């Protein structure tokens, strides 16, 4: 959307995600359960005749999207059981 508005020659965007859990080494002696750290590796492929400045701008914008902000600042999930309709 941003590239289209700027009329940049972006042809396609591909995003690949991989999720993994790492166990925190500094929690070996914890009194509670071992702490797991979730990690998402993200790879973004930008296709088109973009210059380095345009690519950097698109990367910065990808870090500002609402989903990215939610994942990096933490999410509270409220679950309730609902009656069938």
C-alpha atoms as a PDB file:
ATOM      1  CA  UNK A   1       0.000   0.000   0.000  1.00  0.00           C
ATOM      2  CA  UNK A   2       2.793   2.411   0.935  1.00  0.00           C
ATOM      3  CA  UNK A   3       4.847   1.566  -2.164  1.00  0.00           C
ATOM      4  CA  UNK A   4       1.787   1.955  -4.380  1.00  0.00           C
ATOM      5  CA  UNK A   5       1.019   5.364  -2.890  1.00  0.00           C
ATOM      6  CA  UNK A   6       4.648   6.438  -3.445  1.00  0.00           C
ATOM      7  CA  UNK A   7       4.532   4.934  -6.962  1.00  0.00           C
ATOM      8  CA  UNK A   8       7.595   2.793  -6.291  1.00  0.00           C
ATOM      9  CA  UNK A   9       8.299  -0.156  -8.619  1.00  0.00           C
ATOM     10  CA  UNK A  10       7.498  -2.844  -6.030  1.00  0.00           C
ATOM     11  CA  UNK A  11       6.207  -5.897  -7.866  1.00  0.00           C
ATOM     12  CA  UNK A  12       5.836  -8.509  -5.150  1.00  0.00           C
ATOM     13  CA  UNK A  13       6.444  -9.068  -1.437  1.00  0.00           C
ATOM     14  CA  UNK A  14       7.102 -12.502   0.031  1.00  0.00           C
ATOM     15  CA  UNK A  15       7.296 -13.044   3.786  1.00  0.00           C
ATOM     16  CA  UNK A  16       8.568 -16.265   5.348  1.00  0.00           C
ATOM     17  CA  UNK A  17       8.157 -16.931   9.061  1.00  0.00           C
ATOM     18  CA  UNK A  18       9.656 -19.611  11.290  1.00  0.00           C
ATOM     19  CA  UNK A  19       8.723 -20.083  14.941  1.00  0.00           C
ATOM     20  CA  UNK A  20      10.888 -21.701  17.589  1.00  0.00           C
ATOM     21  CA  UNK A  21      11.276 -21.805  21.340  1.00  0.00           C
ATOM     22  CA  UNK A  22      14.545 -21.288  23.138  1.00  0.00           C
ATOM     23  CA  UNK A  23      15.053 -22.094  26.778  1.00  0.00           C
ATOM     24  CA  UNK A  24      16.589 -19.221  28.700  1.00  0.00           C
ATOM     25  CA  UNK A  25      20.024 -20.247  29.934  1.00  0.00           C
ATOM     26  CA  UNK A  26      19.888 -17.804  32.818  1.00  0.00           C
ATOM     27  CA  UNK A  27      16.847 -19.602  34.230  1.00  0.00           C
ATOM     28  CA  UNK A  28      18.617 -22.896  34.961  1.00  0.00           C
ATOM     29  CA  UNK A  29      18.369 -22.354  38.717  1.00  0.00           C
ATOM     30  CA  UNK A  30      14.882 -20.853  38.728  1.00  0.00           C
ATOM     31  CA  UNK A  31      12.480 -22.078  41.387  1.00  0.00           C
ATOM     32  CA  UNK A  32       9.596 -22.047  38.908  1.00  0.00           C
ATOM     33  CA  UNK A  33       9.234 -23.868  35.605  1.00  0.00           C
ATOM     34  CA  UNK A  34      12.024 -23.298  33.055  1.00  0.00           C
ATOM     35  CA  UNK A  35      11.434 -20.144  31.056  1.00  0.00           C
ATOM     36  CA  UNK A  36      10.896 -20.492  27.319  1.00  0.00           C
ATOM     37  CA  UNK A  37      11.461 -17.622  24.940  1.00  0.00           C
ATOM     38  CA  UNK A  38       9.455 -17.621  21.735  1.00  0.00           C
ATOM     39  CA  UNK A  39      11.266 -16.422  18.650  1.00  0.00           C
ATOM     40  CA  UNK A  40       9.918 -15.685  15.185  1.00  0.00           C
ATOM     41  CA  UNK A  41      12.438 -15.414  12.378  1.00  0.00           C
ATOM     42  CA  UNK A  42      11.099 -13.277   9.545  1.00  0.00           C
ATOM     43  CA  UNK A  43      12.498 -13.051   6.039  1.00  0.00           C
ATOM     44  CA  UNK A  44      11.112 -10.447   3.643  1.00  0.00           C
ATOM     45  CA  UNK A  45      11.752 -10.563  -0.100  1.00  0.00           C
ATOM     46  CA  UNK A  46      11.015  -7.356  -2.016  1.00  0.00           C
ATOM     47  CA  UNK A  47      10.867  -7.807  -5.794  1.00  0.00           C
ATOM     48  CA  UNK A  48      11.152  -4.871  -8.152  1.00  0.00           C
ATOM     49  CA  UNK A  49      13.643  -2.194  -9.185  1.00  0.00           C
ATOM     50  CA  UNK A  50      13.859  -0.579  -5.746  1.00  0.00           C
ATOM     51  CA  UNK A  51      16.882   1.366  -4.534  1.00  0.00           C
ATOM     52  CA  UNK A  52      18.486   0.824  -1.128  1.00  0.00           C
ATOM     53  CA  UNK A  53      16.642   3.773   0.426  1.00  0.00           C
ATOM     54  CA  UNK A  54      13.250   2.463  -0.718  1.00  0.00           C
ATOM     55  CA  UNK A  55      14.060  -1.012   0.608  1.00  0.00           C
ATOM     56  CA  UNK A  56      15.102   0.444   3.966  1.00  0.00           C
ATOM     57  CA  UNK A  57      11.868   2.460   4.157  1.00  0.00           C
ATOM     58  CA  UNK A  58       9.739  -0.603   3.421  1.00  0.00           C
ATOM     59  CA  UNK A  59      11.597  -2.589   6.087  1.00  0.00           C
ATOM     60  CA  UNK A  60      11.023   0.179   8.645  1.00  0.00           C
ATOM     61  CA  UNK A  61       7.323   0.265   7.776  1.00  0.00           C
ATOM     62  CA  UNK A  62       7.084  -3.517   8.187  1.00  0.00           C
ATOM     63  CA  UNK A  63       8.227  -3.064  11.794  1.00  0.00           C
ATOM     64  CA  UNK A  64       5.458  -0.524  12.413  1.00  0.00           C
ATOM     65  CA  UNK A  65       2.456  -2.592  11.379  1.00  0.00           C
ATOM     66  CA  UNK A  66      -0.124  -3.276  14.131  1.00  0.00           C
ATOM     67  CA  UNK A  67       0.506  -7.034  14.169  1.00  0.00           C
ATOM     68  CA  UNK A  68       4.270  -6.612  14.545  1.00  0.00           C
ATOM     69  CA  UNK A  69       3.779  -4.107  17.371  1.00  0.00           C
ATOM     70  CA  UNK A  70       1.384  -6.475  19.162  1.00  0.00           C
ATOM     71  CA  UNK A  71       3.777  -9.396  18.912  1.00  0.00           C
ATOM     72  CA  UNK A  72       6.797  -7.433  20.115  1.00  0.00           C
ATOM     73  CA  UNK A  73       5.060  -5.735  23.043  1.00  0.00           C
ATOM     74  CA  UNK A  74       3.110  -8.732  24.258  1.00  0.00           C
ATOM     75  CA  UNK A  75      -0.442  -9.870  23.878  1.00  0.00           C
ATOM     76  CA  UNK A  76      -3.052 -10.617  26.488  1.00  0.00           C
ATOM     77  CA  UNK A  77      -5.426 -13.347  25.353  1.00  0.00           C
ATOM     78  CA  UNK A  78      -8.799 -13.472  27.079  1.00  0.00           C
ATOM     79  CA  UNK A  79     -10.663 -16.745  26.502  1.00  0.00           C
ATOM     80  CA  UNK A  80     -14.194 -17.585  27.495  1.00  0.00           C
ATOM     81  CA  UNK A  81     -16.406 -20.561  26.870  1.00  0.00           C
ATOM     82  CA  UNK A  82     -19.505 -19.663  24.885  1.00  0.00           C
ATOM     83  CA  UNK A  83     -22.740 -21.571  24.516  1.00  0.00           C
ATOM     84  CA  UNK A  84     -23.459 -23.153  21.140  1.00  0.00           C
ATOM     85  CA  UNK A  85     -25.819 -21.234  18.912  1.00  0.00           C
END
